[in-house]
Amino acid sequence: MRVNSWLTHKSTGAWCYGVSPHGADNLTGAGQQYRLTIMGPGVTPDVSVTVASPGVYNAALDATQNQKIAALHDNLCKPN
C-alpha cells in the first residue's frame, strides 16, 4: 500500500516523515516492514531499501533518533 510521496529538502537532500497512524481510518504505522524508494536525479538509478518496523514506542530509542535528526542541521526536520 502506498503511503505518500515527498521531495528532499533543497541543498541538504534530507527528508523527514513520520511513519505513524494519521487518524482512525489510516493504517499508516501498522506495518511489519516498510519499503522506501528514492528516485535519483537525471539518469542516476533509483535507490530502494526495505526496513523492519521499529515496533512499539521506545522513549530511549526516540531520544536517540531525535539527536540524529538534530545532527542533520536541516531546519525543516524537527525532532518530535
PDB file of N, CA and C in Angstrom:
ATOM      1  N   MET A   1       0.841  -1.164   0.000  1.00  0.00           N
ATOM      2  CA  MET A   1       0.000   0.000   0.000  1.00  0.00           C
ATOM      3  C   MET A   1       0.897   1.241   0.000  1.00  0.00           C
ATOM      4  N   ARG A   2       0.644   2.162  -0.877  1.00  0.00           N
ATOM      5  CA  ARG A   2       1.426   3.397  -0.927  1.00  0.00           C
ATOM      6  C   ARG A   2       0.941   4.341   0.150  1.00  0.00           C
ATOM      7  N   VAL A   3       1.878   4.936   0.876  1.00  0.00           N
ATOM      8  CA  VAL A   3       1.529   5.873   1.926  1.00  0.00           C
ATOM      9  C   VAL A   3       1.575   7.293   1.406  1.00  0.00           C
ATOM     10  N   ASN A   4       2.693   7.702   0.860  1.00  0.00           N
ATOM     11  CA  ASN A   4       2.840   9.089   0.466  1.00  0.00           C
ATOM     12  C   ASN A   4       4.103   9.247  -0.367  1.00  0.00           C
ATOM     13  N   SER A   5       4.244  10.401  -0.956  1.00  0.00           N
ATOM     14  CA  SER A   5       5.486  10.749  -1.621  1.00  0.00           C
ATOM     15  C   SER A   5       5.871  12.155  -1.183  1.00  0.00           C
ATOM     16  N   TRP A   6       7.140  12.469  -1.250  1.00  0.00           N
ATOM     17  CA  TRP A   6       7.614  13.786  -0.831  1.00  0.00           C
ATOM     18  C   TRP A   6       8.930  14.075  -1.520  1.00  0.00           C
ATOM     19  N   LEU A   7       9.367  15.309  -1.442  1.00  0.00           N
ATOM     20  CA  LEU A   7      10.624  15.735  -2.045  1.00  0.00           C
ATOM     21  C   LEU A   7      11.688  15.904  -0.976  1.00  0.00           C
ATOM     22  N   THR A   8      12.929  15.731  -1.365  1.00  0.00           N
ATOM     23  CA  THR A   8      14.020  16.003  -0.430  1.00  0.00           C
ATOM     24  C   THR A   8      14.169  17.508  -0.281  1.00  0.00           C
ATOM     25  N   HIS A   9      14.792  17.932   0.796  1.00  0.00           N
ATOM     26  CA  HIS A   9      14.989  19.352   1.057  1.00  0.00           C
ATOM     27  C   HIS A   9      16.110  19.897   0.183  1.00  0.00           C
ATOM     28  N   LYS A  10      15.877  21.059  -0.355  1.00  0.00           N
ATOM     29  CA  LYS A  10      16.851  21.704  -1.235  1.00  0.00           C
ATOM     30  C   LYS A  10      18.146  21.936  -0.468  1.00  0.00           C
ATOM     31  N   SER A  11      19.223  21.678  -1.058  1.00  0.00           N
ATOM     32  CA  SER A  11      20.611  21.869  -0.603  1.00  0.00           C
ATOM     33  C   SER A  11      21.118  20.787   0.339  1.00  0.00           C
ATOM     34  N   THR A  12      20.265  20.205   1.204  1.00  0.00           N
ATOM     35  CA  THR A  12      20.778  19.170   2.112  1.00  0.00           C
ATOM     36  C   THR A  12      20.468  17.765   1.606  1.00  0.00           C
ATOM     37  N   GLY A  13      19.397  17.604   0.834  1.00  0.00           N
ATOM     38  CA  GLY A  13      18.977  16.276   0.396  1.00  0.00           C
ATOM     39  C   GLY A  13      18.284  15.488   1.491  1.00  0.00           C
ATOM     40  N   ALA A  14      18.131  16.079   2.669  1.00  0.00           N
ATOM     41  CA  ALA A  14      17.470  15.402   3.789  1.00  0.00           C
ATOM     42  C   ALA A  14      15.956  15.365   3.552  1.00  0.00           C
ATOM     43  N   TRP A  15      15.286  14.451   4.207  1.00  0.00           N
ATOM     44  CA  TRP A  15      13.836  14.402   4.190  1.00  0.00           C
ATOM     45  C   TRP A  15      13.380  13.863   5.533  1.00  0.00           C
ATOM     46  N   CYS A  16      12.176  14.191   5.910  1.00  0.00           N
ATOM     47  CA  CYS A  16      11.657  13.702   7.185  1.00  0.00           C
ATOM     48  C   CYS A  16      10.188  13.327   7.014  1.00  0.00           C
ATOM     49  N   TYR A  17       9.823  12.232   7.600  1.00  0.00           N
ATOM     50  CA  TYR A  17       8.451  11.749   7.509  1.00  0.00           C
ATOM     51  C   TYR A  17       8.184  10.829   8.686  1.00  0.00           C
ATOM     52  N   GLY A  18       7.050  10.985   9.315  1.00  0.00           N
ATOM     53  CA  GLY A  18       6.687  10.133  10.442  1.00  0.00           C
ATOM     54  C   GLY A  18       5.893   8.934   9.978  1.00  0.00           C
ATOM     55  N   VAL A  19       6.340   7.731  10.305  1.00  0.00           N
ATOM     56  CA  VAL A  19       5.595   6.516   9.993  1.00  0.00           C
ATOM     57  C   VAL A  19       4.788   6.188  11.239  1.00  0.00           C
ATOM     58  N   SER A  20       3.628   6.820  11.324  1.00  0.00           N
ATOM     59  CA  SER A  20       2.764   6.655  12.486  1.00  0.00           C
ATOM     60  C   SER A  20       1.317   6.833  12.049  1.00  0.00           C
ATOM     61  N   PRO A  21       0.361   6.341  12.847  1.00  0.00           N
ATOM     62  CA  PRO A  21      -1.044   6.483  12.469  1.00  0.00           C
ATOM     63  C   PRO A  21      -1.418   7.956  12.289  1.00  0.00           C
ATOM     64  N   HIS A  22      -2.231   8.232  11.260  1.00  0.00           N
ATOM     65  CA  HIS A  22      -2.672   9.594  10.968  1.00  0.00           C
ATOM     66  C   HIS A  22      -4.197   9.661  10.972  1.00  0.00           C
ATOM     67  N   GLY A  23      -4.832   9.174  12.005  1.00  0.00           N
ATOM     68  CA  GLY A  23      -6.294   9.196  12.072  1.00  0.00           C
ATOM     69  C   GLY A  23      -6.872   7.788  12.145  1.00  0.00           C
ATOM     70  N   ALA A  24      -8.140   7.706  12.476  1.00  0.00           N
ATOM     71  CA  ALA A  24      -8.800   6.418  12.725  1.00  0.00           C
ATOM     72  C   ALA A  24      -8.864   5.529  11.487  1.00  0.00           C
ATOM     73  N   ASP A  25      -8.979   6.118  10.303  1.00  0.00           N
ATOM     74  CA  ASP A  25      -9.144   5.321   9.089  1.00  0.00           C
ATOM     75  C   ASP A  25      -7.844   5.082   8.342  1.00  0.00           C
ATOM     76  N   ASN A  26      -6.716   5.472   8.906  1.00  0.00           N
ATOM     77  CA  ASN A  26      -5.434   5.357   8.214  1.00  0.00           C
ATOM     78  C   ASN A  26      -4.569   4.334   8.923  1.00  0.00           C
ATOM     79  N   LEU A  27      -4.124   3.315   8.194  1.00  0.00           N
ATOM     80  CA  LEU A  27      -3.328   2.244   8.798  1.00  0.00           C
ATOM     81  C   LEU A  27      -1.828   2.526   8.773  1.00  0.00           C
ATOM     82  N   THR A  28      -1.432   3.728   8.365  1.00  0.00           N
ATOM     83  CA  THR A  28      -0.017   4.064   8.337  1.00  0.00           C
ATOM     84  C   THR A  28       0.590   3.804   9.713  1.00  0.00           C
ATOM     85  N   GLY A  29       1.724   3.141   9.755  1.00  0.00           N
ATOM     86  CA  GLY A  29       2.378   2.849  11.022  1.00  0.00           C
ATOM     87  C   GLY A  29       2.005   1.493  11.585  1.00  0.00           C
ATOM     88  N   ALA A  30       1.158   0.739  10.881  1.00  0.00           N
ATOM     89  CA  ALA A  30       0.722  -0.562  11.387  1.00  0.00           C
ATOM     90  C   ALA A  30       1.401  -1.717  10.657  1.00  0.00           C
ATOM     91  N   GLY A  31       2.390  -1.427   9.799  1.00  0.00           N
ATOM     92  CA  GLY A  31       3.047  -2.470   9.017  1.00  0.00           C
ATOM     93  C   GLY A  31       4.121  -3.220   9.784  1.00  0.00           C
ATOM     94  N   GLN A  32       4.568  -4.335   9.207  1.00  0.00           N
ATOM     95  CA  GLN A  32       5.661  -5.105   9.780  1.00  0.00           C
ATOM     96  C   GLN A  32       6.997  -4.728   9.142  1.00  0.00           C
ATOM     97  N   GLN A  33       6.918  -4.135   7.952  1.00  0.00           N
ATOM     98  CA  GLN A  33       8.116  -3.633   7.286  1.00  0.00           C
ATOM     99  C   GLN A  33       7.706  -2.519   6.334  1.00  0.00           C
ATOM    100  N   TYR A  34       8.698  -1.712   5.957  1.00  0.00           N
ATOM    101  CA  TYR A  34       8.440  -0.565   5.095  1.00  0.00           C
ATOM    102  C   TYR A  34       9.476  -0.531   3.986  1.00  0.00           C
ATOM    103  N   ARG A  35       9.019  -0.234   2.760  1.00  0.00           N
ATOM    104  CA  ARG A  35       9.928  -0.121   1.629  1.00  0.00           C
ATOM    105  C   ARG A  35      10.006   1.351   1.234  1.00  0.00           C
ATOM    106  N   LEU A  36      11.220   1.857   1.147  1.00  0.00           N
ATOM    107  CA  LEU A  36      11.467   3.234   0.734  1.00  0.00           C
ATOM    108  C   LEU A  36      12.169   3.191  -0.613  1.00  0.00           C
ATOM    109  N   THR A  37      11.695   3.980  -1.546  1.00  0.00           N
ATOM    110  CA  THR A  37      12.328   4.070  -2.859  1.00  0.00           C
ATOM    111  C   THR A  37      12.549   5.538  -3.169  1.00  0.00           C
ATOM    112  N   ILE A  38      13.773   5.889  -3.475  1.00  0.00           N
ATOM    113  CA  ILE A  38      14.136   7.263  -3.783  1.00  0.00           C
ATOM    114  C   ILE A  38      14.607   7.318  -5.226  1.00  0.00           C
ATOM    115  N   MET A  39      13.973   8.174  -6.007  1.00  0.00           N
ATOM    116  CA  MET A  39      14.350   8.329  -7.410  1.00  0.00           C
ATOM    117  C   MET A  39      15.544   9.271  -7.495  1.00  0.00           C
ATOM    118  N   GLY A  40      16.578   8.847  -8.204  1.00  0.00           N
ATOM    119  CA  GLY A  40      17.751   9.686  -8.394  1.00  0.00           C
ATOM    120  C   GLY A  40      17.495  10.734  -9.464  1.00  0.00           C
ATOM    121  N   PRO A  41      18.240  11.822  -9.436  1.00  0.00           N
ATOM    122  CA  PRO A  41      18.074  12.864 -10.457  1.00  0.00           C
ATOM    123  C   PRO A  41      18.622  12.415 -11.811  1.00  0.00           C
ATOM    124  N   GLY A  42      18.010  12.912 -12.879  1.00  0.00           N
ATOM    125  CA  GLY A  42      18.505  12.609 -14.223  1.00  0.00           C
ATOM    126  C   GLY A  42      18.527  11.118 -14.497  1.00  0.00           C
ATOM    127  N   VAL A  43      19.679  10.618 -14.920  1.00  0.00           N
ATOM    128  CA  VAL A  43      19.803   9.198 -15.276  1.00  0.00           C
ATOM    129  C   VAL A  43      20.399   8.360 -14.148  1.00  0.00           C
ATOM    130  N   THR A  44      20.550   8.931 -12.951  1.00  0.00           N
ATOM    131  CA  THR A  44      21.068   8.146 -11.828  1.00  0.00           C
ATOM    132  C   THR A  44      20.025   7.104 -11.423  1.00  0.00           C
ATOM    133  N   PRO A  45      20.454   5.994 -10.864  1.00  0.00           N
ATOM    134  CA  PRO A  45      19.498   4.923 -10.536  1.00  0.00           C
ATOM    135  C   PRO A  45      18.638   5.273  -9.319  1.00  0.00           C
ATOM    136  N   ASP A  46      17.483   4.617  -9.246  1.00  0.00           N
ATOM    137  CA  ASP A  46      16.652   4.706  -8.055  1.00  0.00           C
ATOM    138  C   ASP A  46      17.312   3.877  -6.953  1.00  0.00           C
ATOM    139  N   VAL A  47      17.112   4.280  -5.716  1.00  0.00           N
ATOM    140  CA  VAL A  47      17.646   3.558  -4.565  1.00  0.00           C
ATOM    141  C   VAL A  47      16.450   3.056  -3.768  1.00  0.00           C
ATOM    142  N   SER A  48      16.478   1.788  -3.383  1.00  0.00           N
ATOM    143  CA  SER A  48      15.363   1.213  -2.641  1.00  0.00           C
ATOM    144  C   SER A  48      15.894   0.381  -1.474  1.00  0.00           C
ATOM    145  N   VAL A  49      15.191   0.436  -0.370  1.00  0.00           N
ATOM    146  CA  VAL A  49      15.555  -0.345   0.806  1.00  0.00           C
ATOM    147  C   VAL A  49      14.272  -0.756   1.526  1.00  0.00           C
ATOM    148  N   THR A  50      14.273  -1.940   2.120  1.00  0.00           N
ATOM    149  CA  THR A  50      13.164  -2.398   2.944  1.00  0.00           C
ATOM    150  C   THR A  50      13.668  -2.510   4.373  1.00  0.00           C
ATOM    151  N   VAL A  51      12.945  -1.900   5.299  1.00  0.00           N
ATOM    152  CA  VAL A  51      13.355  -1.903   6.697  1.00  0.00           C
ATOM    153  C   VAL A  51      12.246  -2.487   7.562  1.00  0.00           C
ATOM    154  N   ALA A  52      12.634  -3.091   8.652  1.00  0.00           N
ATOM    155  CA  ALA A  52      11.669  -3.659   9.586  1.00  0.00           C
ATOM    156  C   ALA A  52      10.961  -2.547  10.355  1.00  0.00           C
ATOM    157  N   SER A  53       9.770  -2.829  10.813  1.00  0.00           N
ATOM    158  CA  SER A  53       9.033  -1.887  11.646  1.00  0.00           C
ATOM    159  C   SER A  53       9.841  -1.614  12.920  1.00  0.00           C
ATOM    160  N   PRO A  54       9.847  -0.383  13.411  1.00  0.00           N
ATOM    161  CA  PRO A  54      10.567  -0.106  14.654  1.00  0.00           C
ATOM    162  C   PRO A  54       9.883  -0.711  15.873  1.00  0.00           C
ATOM    163  N   GLY A  55       8.668  -1.225  15.713  1.00  0.00           N
ATOM    164  CA  GLY A  55       7.974  -1.855  16.837  1.00  0.00           C
ATOM    165  C   GLY A  55       7.262  -0.843  17.709  1.00  0.00           C
ATOM    166  N   VAL A  56       6.950  -1.261  18.920  1.00  0.00           N
ATOM    167  CA  VAL A  56       6.225  -0.380  19.843  1.00  0.00           C
ATOM    168  C   VAL A  56       7.102   0.791  20.248  1.00  0.00           C
ATOM    169  N   TYR A  57       6.475   1.871  20.682  1.00  0.00           N
ATOM    170  CA  TYR A  57       7.193   3.086  21.055  1.00  0.00           C
ATOM    171  C   TYR A  57       8.218   2.803  22.149  1.00  0.00           C
ATOM    172  N   ASN A  58       9.408   3.360  21.957  1.00  0.00           N
ATOM    173  CA  ASN A  58      10.504   3.209  22.906  1.00  0.00           C
ATOM    174  C   ASN A  58      11.090   4.600  23.119  1.00  0.00           C
ATOM    175  N   ALA A  59      10.897   5.166  24.308  1.00  0.00           N
ATOM    176  CA  ALA A  59      11.322   6.538  24.594  1.00  0.00           C
ATOM    177  C   ALA A  59      12.828   6.725  24.421  1.00  0.00           C
ATOM    178  N   ALA A  60      13.630   5.754  24.831  1.00  0.00           N
ATOM    179  CA  ALA A  60      15.089   5.877  24.705  1.00  0.00           C
ATOM    180  C   ALA A  60      15.500   5.880  23.231  1.00  0.00           C
ATOM    181  N   LEU A  61      14.907   5.000  22.437  1.00  0.00           N
ATOM    182  CA  LEU A  61      15.196   4.966  21.007  1.00  0.00           C
ATOM    183  C   LEU A  61      14.748   6.262  20.343  1.00  0.00           C
ATOM    184  N   ASP A  62      13.588   6.772  20.738  1.00  0.00           N
ATOM    185  CA  ASP A  62      13.081   8.022  20.177  1.00  0.00           C
ATOM    186  C   ASP A  62      14.044   9.170  20.462  1.00  0.00           C
ATOM    187  N   ALA A  63      14.585   9.232  21.668  1.00  0.00           N
ATOM    188  CA  ALA A  63      15.539  10.289  22.021  1.00  0.00           C
ATOM    189  C   ALA A  63      16.800  10.190  21.168  1.00  0.00           C
ATOM    190  N   THR A  64      17.280   8.975  20.948  1.00  0.00           N
ATOM    191  CA  THR A  64      18.461   8.763  20.101  1.00  0.00           C
ATOM    192  C   THR A  64      18.186   9.226  18.675  1.00  0.00           C
ATOM    193  N   GLN A  65      17.022   8.864  18.142  1.00  0.00           N
ATOM    194  CA  GLN A  65      16.680   9.258  16.774  1.00  0.00           C
ATOM    195  C   GLN A  65      16.502  10.775  16.667  1.00  0.00           C
ATOM    196  N   ASN A  66      15.955  11.403  17.701  1.00  0.00           N
ATOM    197  CA  ASN A  66      15.826  12.869  17.702  1.00  0.00           C
ATOM    198  C   ASN A  66      17.193  13.539  17.626  1.00  0.00           C
ATOM    199  N   GLN A  67      18.198  12.973  18.293  1.00  0.00           N
ATOM    200  CA  GLN A  67      19.558  13.515  18.223  1.00  0.00           C
ATOM    201  C   GLN A  67      20.105  13.394  16.800  1.00  0.00           C
ATOM    202  N   LYS A  68      19.811  12.292  16.138  1.00  0.00           N
ATOM    203  CA  LYS A  68      20.268  12.109  14.759  1.00  0.00           C
ATOM    204  C   LYS A  68      19.608  13.123  13.826  1.00  0.00           C
ATOM    205  N   ILE A  69      18.324  13.391  14.046  1.00  0.00           N
ATOM    206  CA  ILE A  69      17.628  14.398  13.234  1.00  0.00           C
ATOM    207  C   ILE A  69      18.263  15.765  13.451  1.00  0.00           C
ATOM    208  N   ALA A  70      18.524  16.123  14.698  1.00  0.00           N
ATOM    209  CA  ALA A  70      19.131  17.427  15.000  1.00  0.00           C
ATOM    210  C   ALA A  70      20.518  17.539  14.372  1.00  0.00           C
ATOM    211  N   ALA A  71      21.251  16.434  14.280  1.00  0.00           N
ATOM    212  CA  ALA A  71      22.612  16.439  13.713  1.00  0.00           C
ATOM    213  C   ALA A  71      22.609  16.722  12.222  1.00  0.00           C
ATOM    214  N   LEU A  72      21.461  16.604  11.560  1.00  0.00           N
ATOM    215  CA  LEU A  72      21.382  16.919  10.135  1.00  0.00           C
ATOM    216  C   LEU A  72      21.481  18.418   9.882  1.00  0.00           C
ATOM    217  N   HIS A  73      21.218  19.225  10.897  1.00  0.00           N
ATOM    218  CA  HIS A  73      21.234  20.688  10.799  1.00  0.00           C
ATOM    219  C   HIS A  73      20.356  21.177   9.646  1.00  0.00           C
ATOM    220  N   ASP A  74      19.208  20.539   9.493  1.00  0.00           N
ATOM    221  CA  ASP A  74      18.213  20.918   8.492  1.00  0.00           C
ATOM    222  C   ASP A  74      17.008  21.462   9.255  1.00  0.00           C
ATOM    223  N   ASN A  75      16.775  22.771   9.160  1.00  0.00           N
ATOM    224  CA  ASN A  75      15.709  23.375   9.979  1.00  0.00           C
ATOM    225  C   ASN A  75      14.307  22.957   9.550  1.00  0.00           C
ATOM    226  N   LEU A  76      14.172  22.192   8.462  1.00  0.00           N
ATOM    227  CA  LEU A  76      12.871  21.689   8.068  1.00  0.00           C
ATOM    228  C   LEU A  76      12.523  20.373   8.754  1.00  0.00           C
ATOM    229  N   CYS A  77      13.524  19.670   9.308  1.00  0.00           N
ATOM    230  CA  CYS A  77      13.294  18.427  10.029  1.00  0.00           C
ATOM    231  C   CYS A  77      13.311  18.746  11.525  1.00  0.00           C
ATOM    232  N   LYS A  78      12.189  18.571  12.156  1.00  0.00           N
ATOM    233  CA  LYS A  78      12.087  18.866  13.592  1.00  0.00           C
ATOM    234  C   LYS A  78      11.915  17.578  14.379  1.00  0.00           C
ATOM    235  N   PRO A  79      12.771  17.354  15.388  1.00  0.00           N
ATOM    236  CA  PRO A  79      12.532  16.198  16.270  1.00  0.00           C
ATOM    237  C   PRO A  79      11.176  16.315  16.923  1.00  0.00           C
ATOM    238  N   ASN A  80      10.527  15.181  17.155  1.00  0.00           N
ATOM    239  CA  ASN A  80       9.200  15.246  17.767  1.00  0.00           C
ATOM    240  C   ASN A  80       9.278  15.497  19.251  1.00  0.00           C
TER     241      ASN A  80
END
